[in-house]
Amino acid sequence: MKKAEKFVWDAVDWILYIDMIATVILVFVNVIGRYCFNHSLAIVDEAARILFVWMVYIGSVVAMKEMTHIRVDILLMFLPKLARKIVDIVANLLVDGILLLTVRTTMNLVMENITYPMPLTRIPYGVVQGIIPLSMLLMLIINIFHLIDLFRKQPEEEGGKTA
């Protein structure tokens, strides 16, 4: 199981690397074209925008996995360990609810826009927007695992990192 998990996260990392490199190259080519040849390619702008949207959502999944999202927890530091654990569990359950709602809502959006192509690349808007429910679903799965870990830990075991 650990091998499969490592493979998946390595693949996600490589997708992010390739996405970032492709975005930088496309934008650089367009900047050179704009300033050196007085001509830019609109299709490159659209492709870079698509890559950037996907990069942001995949990056948010990685941030959720590594627990690096910004979190204000100054009040938690003053709570006893058991109360901190309870607040963490409630917060994770609220995040799960929001993620479920977002998956449901954005799936409707994707289905509505699956037949409408973008003007230049002709890629359907639904394909571009499809990363939203996919990333939210992955974050939901990750957050459920964090919640399971919270239930397994004893209040004394908990360190500085919270979900």
N, C-alpha and C. Protein backbone atom coordinates (compact mmCIF):
# COMPACT_ATOMS: atom_id res chain seq x y z
N MET A 1 0.82 -1.19 0.00
CA MET A 1 0.00 0.00 0.00
C MET A 1 0.86 1.26 0.00
N LYS A 2 1.94 1.25 0.79
CA LYS A 2 2.83 2.40 0.87
C LYS A 2 3.51 2.66 -0.48
N LYS A 3 3.82 1.57 -1.22
CA LYS A 3 4.45 1.72 -2.53
C LYS A 3 3.50 2.42 -3.51
N ALA A 4 2.25 2.02 -3.47
CA ALA A 4 1.25 2.64 -4.35
C ALA A 4 1.05 4.11 -3.99
N GLU A 5 1.00 4.39 -2.70
CA GLU A 5 0.83 5.77 -2.25
C GLU A 5 2.03 6.62 -2.67
N LYS A 6 3.22 6.08 -2.52
CA LYS A 6 4.43 6.82 -2.94
C LYS A 6 4.41 7.06 -4.44
N PHE A 7 3.98 6.06 -5.21
CA PHE A 7 3.90 6.21 -6.66
C PHE A 7 2.93 7.32 -7.03
N VAL A 8 1.77 7.34 -6.39
CA VAL A 8 0.76 8.37 -6.69
C VAL A 8 1.30 9.76 -6.38
N TRP A 9 1.93 9.93 -5.21
CA TRP A 9 2.42 11.26 -4.84
C TRP A 9 3.62 11.67 -5.68
N ASP A 10 4.44 10.70 -6.10
CA ASP A 10 5.52 11.04 -7.03
C ASP A 10 4.95 11.49 -8.37
N ALA A 11 3.89 10.81 -8.82
CA ALA A 11 3.24 11.19 -10.09
C ALA A 11 2.64 12.59 -9.98
N VAL A 12 2.01 12.90 -8.85
CA VAL A 12 1.45 14.24 -8.65
C VAL A 12 2.55 15.29 -8.69
N ASP A 13 3.67 14.99 -8.04
CA ASP A 13 4.80 15.92 -8.06
C ASP A 13 5.31 16.15 -9.48
N TRP A 14 5.43 15.08 -10.25
CA TRP A 14 5.91 15.21 -11.62
C TRP A 14 4.92 15.98 -12.48
N ILE A 15 3.64 15.76 -12.26
CA ILE A 15 2.63 16.52 -13.00
C ILE A 15 2.78 18.01 -12.70
N LEU A 16 2.99 18.34 -11.43
CA LEU A 16 3.20 19.74 -11.06
C LEU A 16 4.47 20.30 -11.69
N TYR A 17 5.56 19.53 -11.69
CA TYR A 17 6.80 19.99 -12.31
C TYR A 17 6.60 20.28 -13.79
N ILE A 18 6.02 19.32 -14.48
CA ILE A 18 5.80 19.46 -15.92
C ILE A 18 4.86 20.63 -16.22
N ASP A 19 3.81 20.75 -15.42
CA ASP A 19 2.85 21.85 -15.58
C ASP A 19 3.55 23.19 -15.41
N MET A 20 4.36 23.31 -14.38
CA MET A 20 5.08 24.56 -14.12
C MET A 20 6.05 24.89 -15.26
N ILE A 21 6.81 23.90 -15.71
CA ILE A 21 7.77 24.12 -16.79
C ILE A 21 7.03 24.52 -18.07
N ALA A 22 5.94 23.83 -18.39
CA ALA A 22 5.18 24.16 -19.59
C ALA A 22 4.60 25.56 -19.51
N THR A 23 4.09 25.94 -18.34
CA THR A 23 3.53 27.29 -18.17
C THR A 23 4.61 28.34 -18.36
N VAL A 24 5.76 28.14 -17.75
CA VAL A 24 6.86 29.10 -17.87
C VAL A 24 7.31 29.22 -19.33
N ILE A 25 7.45 28.09 -20.01
CA ILE A 25 7.89 28.12 -21.41
C ILE A 25 6.86 28.84 -22.28
N LEU A 26 5.57 28.51 -22.11
CA LEU A 26 4.54 29.16 -22.92
C LEU A 26 4.50 30.67 -22.70
N VAL A 27 4.55 31.08 -21.45
CA VAL A 27 4.51 32.51 -21.15
C VAL A 27 5.77 33.19 -21.67
N PHE A 28 6.94 32.55 -21.52
CA PHE A 28 8.19 33.12 -22.01
C PHE A 28 8.15 33.29 -23.53
N VAL A 29 7.68 32.27 -24.23
CA VAL A 29 7.58 32.35 -25.70
C VAL A 29 6.66 33.50 -26.10
N ASN A 30 5.57 33.66 -25.40
CA ASN A 30 4.64 34.73 -25.74
C ASN A 30 5.24 36.10 -25.43
N VAL A 31 5.98 36.21 -24.35
CA VAL A 31 6.63 37.49 -24.02
C VAL A 31 7.66 37.84 -25.10
N ILE A 32 8.46 36.87 -25.50
CA ILE A 32 9.44 37.10 -26.56
C ILE A 32 8.73 37.51 -27.85
N GLY A 33 7.68 36.80 -28.18
CA GLY A 33 6.92 37.15 -29.38
C GLY A 33 6.32 38.55 -29.31
N ARG A 34 5.85 38.91 -28.16
CA ARG A 34 5.21 40.21 -27.98
C ARG A 34 6.22 41.35 -28.08
N TYR A 35 7.37 41.20 -27.44
CA TYR A 35 8.33 42.30 -27.38
C TYR A 35 9.36 42.30 -28.51
N CYS A 36 9.67 41.15 -29.06
CA CYS A 36 10.66 41.09 -30.13
C CYS A 36 10.02 41.14 -31.53
N PHE A 37 8.86 40.55 -31.66
CA PHE A 37 8.25 40.44 -32.98
C PHE A 37 6.92 41.20 -33.09
N ASN A 38 6.53 41.88 -32.02
CA ASN A 38 5.26 42.62 -31.99
C ASN A 38 4.06 41.74 -32.34
N HIS A 39 4.15 40.48 -31.95
CA HIS A 39 3.05 39.56 -32.24
C HIS A 39 2.98 38.51 -31.12
N SER A 40 1.82 38.38 -30.53
CA SER A 40 1.65 37.33 -29.52
C SER A 40 0.60 36.35 -30.01
N LEU A 41 0.67 35.17 -29.48
CA LEU A 41 -0.29 34.12 -29.86
C LEU A 41 -1.34 34.00 -28.76
N ALA A 42 -2.57 34.26 -29.12
CA ALA A 42 -3.65 34.21 -28.13
C ALA A 42 -3.86 32.79 -27.62
N ILE A 43 -3.61 31.82 -28.48
CA ILE A 43 -3.80 30.43 -28.06
C ILE A 43 -2.83 30.05 -26.94
N VAL A 44 -1.64 30.68 -26.94
CA VAL A 44 -0.66 30.42 -25.89
C VAL A 44 -1.16 30.97 -24.56
N ASP A 45 -1.77 32.15 -24.58
CA ASP A 45 -2.34 32.72 -23.36
C ASP A 45 -3.41 31.80 -22.77
N GLU A 46 -4.25 31.29 -23.65
CA GLU A 46 -5.33 30.41 -23.19
C GLU A 46 -4.77 29.11 -22.63
N ALA A 47 -3.79 28.54 -23.30
CA ALA A 47 -3.18 27.29 -22.83
C ALA A 47 -2.46 27.50 -21.49
N ALA A 48 -1.76 28.63 -21.36
CA ALA A 48 -1.07 28.93 -20.10
C ALA A 48 -2.08 29.12 -18.97
N ARG A 49 -3.21 29.73 -19.27
CA ARG A 49 -4.25 29.92 -18.26
C ARG A 49 -4.80 28.58 -17.78
N ILE A 50 -5.01 27.66 -18.71
CA ILE A 50 -5.50 26.33 -18.36
C ILE A 50 -4.48 25.61 -17.47
N LEU A 51 -3.22 25.64 -17.88
CA LEU A 51 -2.17 24.99 -17.10
C LEU A 51 -2.05 25.61 -15.71
N PHE A 52 -2.19 26.93 -15.62
CA PHE A 52 -2.08 27.59 -14.33
C PHE A 52 -3.23 27.19 -13.40
N VAL A 53 -4.44 27.12 -13.93
CA VAL A 53 -5.60 26.71 -13.11
C VAL A 53 -5.37 25.30 -12.57
N TRP A 54 -4.93 24.39 -13.42
CA TRP A 54 -4.68 23.03 -12.97
C TRP A 54 -3.56 22.99 -11.94
N MET A 55 -2.52 23.80 -12.14
CA MET A 55 -1.40 23.83 -11.20
C MET A 55 -1.86 24.30 -9.82
N VAL A 56 -2.72 25.30 -9.78
CA VAL A 56 -3.20 25.82 -8.50
C VAL A 56 -3.98 24.74 -7.73
N TYR A 57 -4.88 24.05 -8.41
CA TYR A 57 -5.69 23.07 -7.71
C TYR A 57 -4.90 21.82 -7.32
N ILE A 58 -3.99 21.38 -8.17
CA ILE A 58 -3.15 20.24 -7.80
C ILE A 58 -2.23 20.63 -6.65
N GLY A 59 -1.73 21.85 -6.69
CA GLY A 59 -0.89 22.33 -5.59
C GLY A 59 -1.64 22.41 -4.28
N SER A 60 -2.93 22.74 -4.33
CA SER A 60 -3.71 22.78 -3.09
C SER A 60 -3.91 21.37 -2.52
N VAL A 61 -3.98 20.37 -3.37
CA VAL A 61 -4.07 18.99 -2.89
C VAL A 61 -2.76 18.61 -2.18
N VAL A 62 -1.64 18.99 -2.77
CA VAL A 62 -0.35 18.69 -2.16
C VAL A 62 -0.22 19.43 -0.82
N ALA A 63 -0.67 20.68 -0.77
CA ALA A 63 -0.62 21.44 0.48
C ALA A 63 -1.48 20.78 1.55
N MET A 64 -2.64 20.23 1.16
CA MET A 64 -3.50 19.54 2.12
C MET A 64 -2.81 18.27 2.62
N LYS A 65 -2.17 17.54 1.73
CA LYS A 65 -1.49 16.31 2.12
C LYS A 65 -0.35 16.60 3.08
N GLU A 66 0.42 17.65 2.80
CA GLU A 66 1.57 17.97 3.63
C GLU A 66 1.20 18.87 4.81
N MET A 67 -0.07 19.19 4.94
CA MET A 67 -0.59 20.02 6.02
C MET A 67 0.13 21.36 6.09
N THR A 68 0.26 22.01 4.94
CA THR A 68 0.95 23.30 4.88
C THR A 68 0.03 24.46 4.53
N HIS A 69 -1.28 24.21 4.52
CA HIS A 69 -2.21 25.32 4.34
C HIS A 69 -2.07 26.29 5.52
N ILE A 70 -2.31 27.54 5.25
CA ILE A 70 -2.21 28.54 6.31
C ILE A 70 -3.34 28.30 7.31
N ARG A 71 -2.98 28.38 8.57
CA ARG A 71 -3.96 28.14 9.62
C ARG A 71 -3.65 29.05 10.81
N VAL A 72 -4.67 29.70 11.31
CA VAL A 72 -4.50 30.54 12.48
C VAL A 72 -4.88 29.69 13.69
N ASP A 73 -3.89 29.37 14.50
CA ASP A 73 -4.14 28.47 15.63
C ASP A 73 -3.64 29.04 16.95
N ILE A 74 -3.59 30.34 17.05
CA ILE A 74 -3.08 30.96 18.28
C ILE A 74 -3.96 30.63 19.47
N LEU A 75 -5.29 30.56 19.26
CA LEU A 75 -6.18 30.22 20.37
C LEU A 75 -6.02 28.77 20.79
N LEU A 76 -5.70 27.91 19.83
CA LEU A 76 -5.52 26.49 20.15
C LEU A 76 -4.33 26.26 21.08
N MET A 77 -3.34 27.11 20.98
CA MET A 77 -2.14 26.93 21.81
C MET A 77 -2.45 27.11 23.30
N PHE A 78 -3.51 27.84 23.61
CA PHE A 78 -3.85 28.09 25.01
C PHE A 78 -4.83 27.06 25.58
N LEU A 79 -5.32 26.16 24.72
CA LEU A 79 -6.27 25.15 25.17
C LEU A 79 -5.52 23.93 25.71
N PRO A 80 -6.16 23.21 26.63
CA PRO A 80 -5.57 21.93 27.05
C PRO A 80 -5.56 20.95 25.87
N LYS A 81 -4.72 19.93 25.96
CA LYS A 81 -4.53 19.02 24.83
C LYS A 81 -5.81 18.33 24.40
N LEU A 82 -6.64 17.93 25.33
CA LEU A 82 -7.89 17.26 24.98
C LEU A 82 -8.84 18.22 24.27
N ALA A 83 -8.94 19.45 24.75
CA ALA A 83 -9.80 20.45 24.11
C ALA A 83 -9.27 20.78 22.71
N ARG A 84 -7.96 20.84 22.55
CA ARG A 84 -7.35 21.10 21.25
C ARG A 84 -7.72 19.98 20.27
N LYS A 85 -7.70 18.75 20.77
CA LYS A 85 -8.05 17.61 19.92
C LYS A 85 -9.52 17.69 19.49
N ILE A 86 -10.39 18.05 20.41
CA ILE A 86 -11.82 18.17 20.09
C ILE A 86 -12.04 19.26 19.05
N VAL A 87 -11.38 20.40 19.24
CA VAL A 87 -11.51 21.50 18.27
C VAL A 87 -10.96 21.07 16.90
N ASP A 88 -9.85 20.35 16.88
CA ASP A 88 -9.30 19.85 15.61
C ASP A 88 -10.28 18.91 14.91
N ILE A 89 -10.91 18.04 15.67
CA ILE A 89 -11.88 17.10 15.09
C ILE A 89 -13.07 17.85 14.52
N VAL A 90 -13.60 18.81 15.27
CA VAL A 90 -14.74 19.59 14.78
C VAL A 90 -14.34 20.38 13.52
N ALA A 91 -13.15 20.97 13.54
CA ALA A 91 -12.68 21.73 12.38
C ALA A 91 -12.54 20.82 11.15
N ASN A 92 -12.00 19.62 11.35
CA ASN A 92 -11.86 18.69 10.23
C ASN A 92 -13.22 18.25 9.69
N LEU A 93 -14.18 18.04 10.58
CA LEU A 93 -15.52 17.67 10.13
C LEU A 93 -16.17 18.81 9.33
N LEU A 94 -15.96 20.05 9.76
CA LEU A 94 -16.47 21.19 9.01
C LEU A 94 -15.81 21.29 7.63
N VAL A 95 -14.51 21.08 7.58
CA VAL A 95 -13.81 21.10 6.29
C VAL A 95 -14.33 19.99 5.39
N ASP A 96 -14.59 18.80 5.95
CA ASP A 96 -15.16 17.71 5.16
C ASP A 96 -16.51 18.10 4.58
N GLY A 97 -17.34 18.74 5.37
CA GLY A 97 -18.65 19.19 4.89
C GLY A 97 -18.52 20.19 3.75
N ILE A 98 -17.62 21.14 3.90
CA ILE A 98 -17.41 22.15 2.85
C ILE A 98 -16.87 21.50 1.58
N LEU A 99 -15.94 20.56 1.74
CA LEU A 99 -15.39 19.87 0.57
C LEU A 99 -16.47 19.05 -0.15
N LEU A 100 -17.31 18.36 0.62
CA LEU A 100 -18.42 17.60 0.00
C LEU A 100 -19.36 18.52 -0.77
N LEU A 101 -19.71 19.63 -0.17
CA LEU A 101 -20.59 20.60 -0.83
C LEU A 101 -19.93 21.15 -2.10
N THR A 102 -18.64 21.42 -2.03
CA THR A 102 -17.93 21.94 -3.19
C THR A 102 -17.86 20.91 -4.31
N VAL A 103 -17.64 19.65 -3.96
CA VAL A 103 -17.61 18.60 -4.98
C VAL A 103 -18.96 18.53 -5.69
N ARG A 104 -20.02 18.51 -4.92
CA ARG A 104 -21.36 18.42 -5.51
C ARG A 104 -21.67 19.62 -6.41
N THR A 105 -21.37 20.80 -5.92
CA THR A 105 -21.69 22.01 -6.67
C THR A 105 -20.84 22.12 -7.93
N THR A 106 -19.55 21.84 -7.82
CA THR A 106 -18.70 21.99 -9.00
C THR A 106 -18.92 20.88 -10.02
N MET A 107 -19.40 19.72 -9.60
CA MET A 107 -19.75 18.69 -10.58
C MET A 107 -20.89 19.17 -11.48
N ASN A 108 -21.85 19.88 -10.88
CA ASN A 108 -22.92 20.47 -11.70
C ASN A 108 -22.35 21.47 -12.69
N LEU A 109 -21.42 22.29 -12.24
CA LEU A 109 -20.77 23.27 -13.11
C LEU A 109 -20.04 22.60 -14.26
N VAL A 110 -19.30 21.55 -13.95
CA VAL A 110 -18.56 20.82 -14.99
C VAL A 110 -19.53 20.21 -16.01
N MET A 111 -20.59 19.62 -15.53
CA MET A 111 -21.55 19.00 -16.44
C MET A 111 -22.24 20.02 -17.33
N GLU A 112 -22.50 21.20 -16.80
CA GLU A 112 -23.12 22.25 -17.61
C GLU A 112 -22.18 22.76 -18.69
N ASN A 113 -20.88 22.79 -18.40
CA ASN A 113 -19.92 23.40 -19.31
C ASN A 113 -19.12 22.40 -20.14
N ILE A 114 -19.46 21.12 -20.07
CA ILE A 114 -18.69 20.10 -20.77
C ILE A 114 -18.83 20.23 -22.29
N THR A 115 -19.89 20.85 -22.74
CA THR A 115 -20.11 20.97 -24.20
C THR A 115 -19.69 22.32 -24.76
N TYR A 116 -19.30 23.26 -23.91
CA TYR A 116 -18.90 24.59 -24.39
C TYR A 116 -17.39 24.67 -24.54
N PRO A 117 -16.90 24.78 -25.79
CA PRO A 117 -15.45 24.83 -25.97
C PRO A 117 -14.89 26.23 -25.74
N MET A 118 -13.63 26.27 -25.35
CA MET A 118 -12.92 27.54 -25.24
C MET A 118 -12.70 28.07 -26.65
N PRO A 119 -12.60 29.38 -26.81
CA PRO A 119 -12.56 29.95 -28.16
C PRO A 119 -11.38 29.50 -29.04
N LEU A 120 -10.20 29.38 -28.47
CA LEU A 120 -9.03 29.12 -29.32
C LEU A 120 -8.56 27.68 -29.26
N THR A 121 -8.41 27.13 -28.08
CA THR A 121 -7.91 25.76 -27.97
C THR A 121 -9.00 24.73 -28.25
N ARG A 122 -10.24 25.16 -28.19
CA ARG A 122 -11.42 24.29 -28.41
C ARG A 122 -11.54 23.21 -27.33
N ILE A 123 -10.83 23.36 -26.24
CA ILE A 123 -10.96 22.45 -25.10
C ILE A 123 -12.23 22.85 -24.36
N PRO A 124 -13.10 21.89 -24.06
CA PRO A 124 -14.33 22.25 -23.35
C PRO A 124 -14.04 22.84 -21.96
N TYR A 125 -14.82 23.84 -21.61
CA TYR A 125 -14.66 24.46 -20.29
C TYR A 125 -14.80 23.42 -19.18
N GLY A 126 -15.64 22.44 -19.39
CA GLY A 126 -15.85 21.39 -18.38
C GLY A 126 -14.59 20.60 -18.09
N VAL A 127 -13.74 20.41 -19.10
CA VAL A 127 -12.48 19.70 -18.90
C VAL A 127 -11.55 20.55 -18.03
N VAL A 128 -11.50 21.84 -18.34
CA VAL A 128 -10.66 22.75 -17.57
C VAL A 128 -11.16 22.82 -16.12
N GLN A 129 -12.47 22.92 -15.94
CA GLN A 129 -13.06 23.03 -14.61
C GLN A 129 -13.12 21.69 -13.89
N GLY A 130 -12.88 20.60 -14.60
CA GLY A 130 -12.95 19.27 -13.99
C GLY A 130 -11.95 19.05 -12.87
N ILE A 131 -10.88 19.84 -12.86
CA ILE A 131 -9.89 19.71 -11.80
C ILE A 131 -10.46 20.14 -10.45
N ILE A 132 -11.48 21.00 -10.47
CA ILE A 132 -12.01 21.51 -9.20
C ILE A 132 -12.66 20.39 -8.38
N PRO A 133 -13.66 19.67 -8.91
CA PRO A 133 -14.22 18.59 -8.08
C PRO A 133 -13.22 17.47 -7.82
N LEU A 134 -12.33 17.21 -8.77
CA LEU A 134 -11.32 16.17 -8.56
C LEU A 134 -10.39 16.54 -7.40
N SER A 135 -9.92 17.77 -7.39
CA SER A 135 -9.01 18.18 -6.32
C SER A 135 -9.74 18.23 -4.98
N MET A 136 -10.99 18.67 -4.98
CA MET A 136 -11.76 18.72 -3.73
C MET A 136 -12.00 17.31 -3.20
N LEU A 137 -12.25 16.36 -4.10
CA LEU A 137 -12.44 14.97 -3.69
C LEU A 137 -11.16 14.39 -3.10
N LEU A 138 -10.03 14.68 -3.74
CA LEU A 138 -8.75 14.22 -3.20
C LEU A 138 -8.46 14.85 -1.84
N MET A 139 -8.77 16.15 -1.69
CA MET A 139 -8.57 16.80 -0.40
C MET A 139 -9.50 16.21 0.66
N LEU A 140 -10.71 15.84 0.26
CA LEU A 140 -11.64 15.20 1.19
C LEU A 140 -11.06 13.87 1.69
N ILE A 141 -10.52 13.08 0.78
CA ILE A 141 -9.92 11.80 1.16
C ILE A 141 -8.74 12.03 2.10
N ILE A 142 -7.90 12.99 1.77
CA ILE A 142 -6.75 13.30 2.62
C ILE A 142 -7.21 13.76 4.00
N ASN A 143 -8.23 14.61 4.02
CA ASN A 143 -8.72 15.13 5.30
C ASN A 143 -9.37 14.03 6.14
N ILE A 144 -10.00 13.07 5.50
CA ILE A 144 -10.57 11.93 6.24
C ILE A 144 -9.45 11.12 6.90
N PHE A 145 -8.34 10.93 6.18
CA PHE A 145 -7.19 10.24 6.78
C PHE A 145 -6.61 11.04 7.94
N HIS A 146 -6.57 12.37 7.81
CA HIS A 146 -6.11 13.21 8.93
C HIS A 146 -7.05 13.06 10.12
N LEU A 147 -8.34 12.98 9.85
CA LEU A 147 -9.33 12.82 10.91
C LEU A 147 -9.16 11.48 11.61
N ILE A 148 -8.92 10.44 10.84
CA ILE A 148 -8.68 9.11 11.42
C ILE A 148 -7.45 9.15 12.31
N ASP A 149 -6.39 9.84 11.84
CA ASP A 149 -5.18 9.97 12.66
C ASP A 149 -5.47 10.72 13.95
N LEU A 150 -6.31 11.74 13.90
CA LEU A 150 -6.67 12.48 15.11
C LEU A 150 -7.37 11.58 16.12
N PHE A 151 -8.25 10.70 15.63
CA PHE A 151 -8.95 9.79 16.53
C PHE A 151 -8.01 8.76 17.13
N ARG A 152 -7.01 8.34 16.37
CA ARG A 152 -6.08 7.33 16.86
C ARG A 152 -5.10 7.87 17.89
N LYS A 153 -4.72 9.15 17.76
CA LYS A 153 -3.73 9.73 18.66
C LYS A 153 -4.32 9.97 20.04
N GLN A 154 -3.50 9.78 21.01
CA GLN A 154 -3.85 10.17 22.37
C GLN A 154 -3.52 11.65 22.52
N PRO A 155 -4.23 12.38 23.35
CA PRO A 155 -3.94 13.82 23.51
C PRO A 155 -2.50 14.12 23.87
N GLU A 156 -1.79 13.21 24.55
CA GLU A 156 -0.41 13.46 24.94
C GLU A 156 0.52 13.37 23.73
N GLU A 157 0.13 12.58 22.70
CA GLU A 157 1.01 12.35 21.55
C GLU A 157 1.07 13.54 20.62
N GLU A 158 0.05 14.37 20.62
CA GLU A 158 -0.07 15.42 19.62
C GLU A 158 1.04 16.43 19.78
N GLY A 159 1.64 16.73 18.63
CA GLY A 159 2.70 17.73 18.61
C GLY A 159 2.18 19.05 18.09
N GLY A 160 3.07 19.82 17.46
CA GLY A 160 2.73 21.14 16.98
C GLY A 160 1.90 21.15 15.71
N LYS A 161 1.99 20.07 14.90
CA LYS A 161 1.30 20.07 13.61
C LYS A 161 -0.13 19.63 13.80
N THR A 162 -1.05 20.39 13.22
CA THR A 162 -2.46 20.03 13.25
C THR A 162 -2.99 20.04 11.84
N ALA A 163 -4.08 19.32 11.62
CA ALA A 163 -4.66 19.22 10.28
C ALA A 163 -5.40 20.46 9.88
